[in-house]
Amino acid sequence: MQSQNNVTPNIDSQYSPSHIRTTWGGTGSVEDASRAFGFSRAKGYDLVRRGEFPCRVLRIGRSTRVVTTSLLRVLDSGEPEYSNAHV
């Protein structure tokens, strides 16, 4: 069984770190970041609401964006960036 502190990236090449590095800008959608982690859009937004998304999230007005560099660090390391983040 996988520990709650580990983040397992999705194997889909569209959401691989190398693809994200070359195609995403400074931020990405919660939906796409959730898919990169291998969970649903609904779970991603639930984690954002609880402050437990495994990487840095920006709320700009009514928009919620995931910081690409933070996402890549978490995908590369397999560990959430913040100690209070659990997946």
Protein backbone atom coordinates (compact mmCIF):
# COMPACT_ATOMS: atom_id res chain seq x y z
CA MET A 1 0.00 0.00 0.00
CA GLN A 2 1.29 3.44 -0.92
CA SER A 3 2.05 5.95 1.81
CA GLN A 4 -0.16 9.02 1.91
CA ASN A 5 2.90 11.26 1.68
CA ASN A 6 4.01 9.92 -1.69
CA VAL A 7 2.66 11.32 -4.92
CA THR A 8 2.47 8.89 -7.82
CA PRO A 9 2.50 10.63 -11.20
CA ASN A 10 0.26 9.54 -14.04
CA ILE A 11 2.09 7.49 -16.68
CA ASP A 12 0.14 9.13 -19.55
CA SER A 13 2.76 10.89 -21.71
CA GLN A 14 0.53 13.97 -22.05
CA TYR A 15 1.07 14.54 -18.34
CA SER A 16 4.70 13.44 -18.11
CA PRO A 17 7.18 15.92 -16.63
CA SER A 18 9.00 16.27 -19.95
CA HIS A 19 5.77 17.07 -21.80
CA ILE A 20 4.67 19.51 -19.11
CA ARG A 21 8.06 21.28 -19.24
CA THR A 22 7.78 21.84 -22.97
CA THR A 23 4.10 22.70 -23.29
CA TRP A 24 2.87 24.41 -20.11
CA GLY A 25 3.45 28.04 -19.22
CA GLY A 26 3.98 29.32 -15.68
CA THR A 27 0.74 27.82 -14.44
CA GLY A 28 -1.62 25.03 -15.38
CA SER A 29 -5.19 24.09 -14.63
CA VAL A 30 -6.16 22.15 -11.54
CA GLU A 31 -7.79 19.62 -13.87
CA ASP A 32 -4.58 18.96 -15.82
CA ALA A 33 -2.42 18.90 -12.69
CA SER A 34 -4.84 16.44 -11.10
CA ARG A 35 -4.54 14.18 -14.12
CA ALA A 36 -0.74 14.41 -13.91
CA PHE A 37 -1.02 13.08 -10.35
CA GLY A 38 -3.44 10.38 -11.45
CA PHE A 39 -6.59 11.57 -9.75
CA SER A 40 -9.84 13.09 -10.92
CA ARG A 41 -10.71 16.74 -11.41
CA ALA A 42 -13.19 16.51 -8.54
CA LYS A 43 -10.57 15.10 -6.17
CA GLY A 44 -8.13 17.81 -7.27
CA TYR A 45 -10.56 20.61 -6.47
CA ASP A 46 -11.46 18.92 -3.19
CA LEU A 47 -7.78 18.88 -2.21
CA VAL A 48 -7.44 22.54 -3.22
CA ARG A 49 -10.44 23.47 -1.04
CA ARG A 50 -8.92 21.63 1.92
CA GLY A 51 -5.47 23.16 1.34
CA GLU A 52 -4.01 19.71 0.67
CA PHE A 53 -3.15 19.82 -3.03
CA PRO A 54 0.37 18.35 -3.29
CA CYS A 55 1.88 21.38 -4.99
CA ARG A 56 1.55 25.14 -4.95
CA VAL A 57 -1.80 26.58 -6.01
CA LEU A 58 -2.59 30.21 -6.83
CA ARG A 59 -6.02 31.69 -6.48
CA ILE A 60 -6.40 34.69 -8.74
CA GLY A 61 -9.88 36.14 -8.48
CA ARG A 62 -12.23 33.29 -9.32
CA SER A 63 -9.51 31.31 -11.08
CA THR A 64 -7.38 28.63 -9.45
CA ARG A 65 -4.07 27.75 -11.09
CA VAL A 66 -1.28 25.30 -10.28
CA VAL A 67 2.31 26.58 -10.37
CA THR A 68 4.11 24.54 -13.03
CA THR A 69 7.55 24.55 -11.36
CA SER A 70 5.99 23.33 -8.12
CA LEU A 71 4.09 20.58 -9.96
CA LEU A 72 7.29 19.44 -11.68
CA ARG A 73 9.23 19.34 -8.41
CA VAL A 74 6.55 17.16 -6.83
CA LEU A 75 6.34 14.87 -9.87
CA ASP A 76 10.13 14.51 -9.93
CA SER A 77 10.54 13.91 -6.20
CA GLY A 78 7.36 11.95 -5.50
CA GLU A 79 6.86 13.97 -2.33
CA PRO A 80 4.37 16.80 -1.71
CA GLU A 81 5.97 20.22 -1.32
CA TYR A 82 4.17 21.10 1.87
CA SER A 83 4.16 19.04 5.03
CA ASN A 84 0.39 19.40 5.40
CA ALA A 85 -0.29 18.03 1.91
CA HIS A 86 -1.65 14.49 1.74
CA VAL A 87 -2.92 12.58 -1.26
